[in-house]
């Protein structure tokens, strides 16, 4: 997986919670929970963060 730079991570925010994001082994994760108490996960596609709210993403 592509490691995002510290400069980029410093400006990225979760569009759902407004919190900072952290990179883990599968993508990005919010540092604060959403309204239902869950952390929000985002994927990286070819090293590019896809910061769409989970309800806006369709499988398929």
N, C-alpha and C. Protein backbone atom coordinates (compact mmCIF):
# COMPACT_ATOMS: atom_id res chain seq x y z
N UNK A 1 0.84 -1.18 0.00
CA UNK A 1 0.00 0.00 0.00
C UNK A 1 0.88 1.24 0.00
N UNK A 2 0.39 2.27 -0.65
CA UNK A 2 1.09 3.54 -0.73
C UNK A 2 1.01 4.25 0.62
N UNK A 3 2.12 4.75 1.09
CA UNK A 3 2.15 5.52 2.33
C UNK A 3 2.00 7.00 1.98
N UNK A 4 0.94 7.63 2.48
CA UNK A 4 0.71 9.05 2.22
C UNK A 4 1.68 9.89 3.04
N UNK A 5 2.06 11.05 2.49
CA UNK A 5 3.02 11.91 3.18
C UNK A 5 2.41 12.54 4.42
N UNK A 6 3.27 12.91 5.35
CA UNK A 6 2.82 13.57 6.58
C UNK A 6 2.15 14.90 6.27
N UNK A 7 2.65 15.62 5.25
CA UNK A 7 2.04 16.90 4.87
C UNK A 7 0.60 16.70 4.40
N UNK A 8 0.36 15.68 3.59
CA UNK A 8 -0.99 15.41 3.11
C UNK A 8 -1.89 14.96 4.26
N UNK A 9 -1.40 14.08 5.10
CA UNK A 9 -2.20 13.60 6.22
C UNK A 9 -2.57 14.74 7.17
N UNK A 10 -1.73 15.76 7.27
CA UNK A 10 -2.00 16.89 8.15
C UNK A 10 -3.20 17.71 7.71
N UNK A 11 -3.51 17.69 6.41
CA UNK A 11 -4.63 18.50 5.92
C UNK A 11 -5.89 17.69 5.64
N UNK A 12 -5.78 16.38 5.52
CA UNK A 12 -6.96 15.56 5.24
C UNK A 12 -7.87 15.48 6.46
N UNK A 13 -9.17 15.58 6.22
CA UNK A 13 -10.16 15.47 7.28
C UNK A 13 -11.29 14.56 6.82
N UNK A 14 -11.89 13.89 7.77
CA UNK A 14 -13.04 13.02 7.48
C UNK A 14 -14.23 13.91 7.11
N UNK A 15 -14.83 13.68 5.94
CA UNK A 15 -15.98 14.50 5.56
C UNK A 15 -17.23 14.24 6.40
N UNK A 16 -17.27 13.15 7.11
CA UNK A 16 -18.43 12.83 7.94
C UNK A 16 -18.30 13.44 9.33
N UNK A 17 -17.14 13.27 9.97
CA UNK A 17 -16.96 13.72 11.35
C UNK A 17 -16.16 15.01 11.47
N UNK A 18 -15.39 15.35 10.44
CA UNK A 18 -14.52 16.53 10.51
C UNK A 18 -13.22 16.26 11.24
N UNK A 19 -13.02 15.03 11.69
CA UNK A 19 -11.81 14.69 12.44
C UNK A 19 -10.64 14.40 11.51
N UNK A 20 -9.45 14.39 12.09
CA UNK A 20 -8.27 14.01 11.34
C UNK A 20 -8.39 12.54 10.92
N UNK A 21 -7.61 12.17 9.93
CA UNK A 21 -7.59 10.79 9.46
C UNK A 21 -6.24 10.17 9.77
N UNK A 22 -6.24 8.87 10.00
CA UNK A 22 -5.01 8.11 10.19
C UNK A 22 -4.96 7.02 9.15
N UNK A 23 -3.76 6.69 8.71
CA UNK A 23 -3.61 5.63 7.73
C UNK A 23 -3.35 4.32 8.46
N UNK A 24 -4.09 3.28 8.05
CA UNK A 24 -3.84 1.94 8.57
C UNK A 24 -3.51 1.03 7.39
N UNK A 25 -3.48 -0.27 7.62
CA UNK A 25 -3.07 -1.19 6.56
C UNK A 25 -4.08 -1.33 5.43
N UNK A 26 -5.32 -0.87 5.64
CA UNK A 26 -6.34 -1.01 4.60
C UNK A 26 -6.75 0.31 3.95
N UNK A 27 -6.38 1.42 4.51
CA UNK A 27 -6.75 2.72 3.96
C UNK A 27 -6.66 3.80 5.02
N UNK A 28 -7.71 4.63 5.09
CA UNK A 28 -7.75 5.72 6.06
C UNK A 28 -8.91 5.51 7.01
N UNK A 29 -8.76 5.97 8.23
CA UNK A 29 -9.81 5.82 9.24
C UNK A 29 -9.90 7.13 10.04
N UNK A 30 -11.14 7.52 10.37
CA UNK A 30 -11.34 8.74 11.15
C UNK A 30 -10.82 8.55 12.57
N UNK A 31 -10.47 9.65 13.20
CA UNK A 31 -9.99 9.56 14.58
C UNK A 31 -11.11 9.81 15.58
N UNK A 32 -12.31 10.13 15.08
CA UNK A 32 -13.49 10.33 15.93
C UNK A 32 -14.64 9.51 15.35
N UNK A 33 -15.51 9.00 16.20
CA UNK A 33 -16.64 8.20 15.71
C UNK A 33 -17.72 9.06 15.06
N UNK A 34 -18.51 8.42 14.19
CA UNK A 34 -19.65 9.09 13.58
C UNK A 34 -20.83 9.07 14.55
N UNK A 35 -22.00 9.50 14.11
CA UNK A 35 -23.18 9.60 14.97
C UNK A 35 -23.61 8.26 15.56
N UNK A 36 -23.28 7.16 14.86
CA UNK A 36 -23.65 5.84 15.38
C UNK A 36 -22.55 5.21 16.24
N UNK A 37 -21.47 5.96 16.47
CA UNK A 37 -20.40 5.48 17.35
C UNK A 37 -19.32 4.67 16.66
N UNK A 38 -19.33 4.63 15.33
CA UNK A 38 -18.33 3.85 14.58
C UNK A 38 -17.31 4.77 13.93
N UNK A 39 -16.08 4.29 13.86
CA UNK A 39 -15.06 5.02 13.09
C UNK A 39 -15.37 4.85 11.61
N UNK A 40 -15.07 5.87 10.82
CA UNK A 40 -15.38 5.85 9.40
C UNK A 40 -14.12 5.46 8.62
N UNK A 41 -14.26 4.49 7.73
CA UNK A 41 -13.13 3.99 6.94
C UNK A 41 -13.25 4.44 5.49
N UNK A 42 -12.09 4.76 4.90
CA UNK A 42 -12.02 5.19 3.51
C UNK A 42 -10.93 4.38 2.81
N UNK A 43 -11.13 4.14 1.53
CA UNK A 43 -10.16 3.36 0.76
C UNK A 43 -9.19 4.29 0.04
N UNK A 44 -8.07 3.72 -0.36
CA UNK A 44 -7.13 4.39 -1.25
C UNK A 44 -7.20 3.64 -2.57
N UNK A 45 -7.43 4.34 -3.65
CA UNK A 45 -7.43 3.73 -4.98
C UNK A 45 -6.24 4.27 -5.74
N UNK A 46 -5.28 3.40 -6.00
CA UNK A 46 -4.03 3.76 -6.67
C UNK A 46 -3.34 4.91 -5.95
N UNK A 47 -3.38 4.88 -4.61
CA UNK A 47 -2.72 5.89 -3.79
C UNK A 47 -3.51 7.17 -3.60
N UNK A 48 -4.74 7.21 -4.09
CA UNK A 48 -5.57 8.41 -4.00
C UNK A 48 -6.69 8.16 -2.99
N UNK A 49 -6.81 9.01 -1.95
CA UNK A 49 -7.89 8.83 -0.97
C UNK A 49 -9.26 9.07 -1.61
N UNK A 50 -10.18 8.15 -1.38
CA UNK A 50 -11.56 8.29 -1.85
C UNK A 50 -12.38 8.69 -0.62
N UNK A 51 -12.61 9.99 -0.47
CA UNK A 51 -13.24 10.52 0.74
C UNK A 51 -14.73 10.76 0.53
N UNK A 52 -15.42 9.71 0.13
CA UNK A 52 -16.87 9.75 0.01
C UNK A 52 -17.47 9.12 1.25
N UNK A 53 -18.54 9.72 1.72
CA UNK A 53 -19.23 9.14 2.88
C UNK A 53 -19.63 7.71 2.54
N UNK A 54 -19.51 6.79 3.48
CA UNK A 54 -19.84 5.39 3.20
C UNK A 54 -21.22 5.21 2.58
N UNK A 55 -22.18 6.03 2.92
CA UNK A 55 -23.52 5.91 2.33
C UNK A 55 -23.54 6.28 0.85
N UNK A 56 -22.49 6.98 0.38
CA UNK A 56 -22.43 7.39 -1.02
C UNK A 56 -21.70 6.38 -1.89
N UNK A 57 -21.06 5.39 -1.26
CA UNK A 57 -20.27 4.41 -2.00
C UNK A 57 -21.11 3.17 -2.24
N UNK A 58 -21.14 2.71 -3.48
CA UNK A 58 -21.86 1.48 -3.83
C UNK A 58 -20.87 0.38 -4.15
N UNK A 59 -21.20 -0.81 -3.75
CA UNK A 59 -20.39 -1.96 -4.14
C UNK A 59 -20.81 -2.38 -5.54
N UNK A 60 -19.85 -2.85 -6.32
CA UNK A 60 -20.21 -3.35 -7.62
C UNK A 60 -19.48 -2.72 -8.66
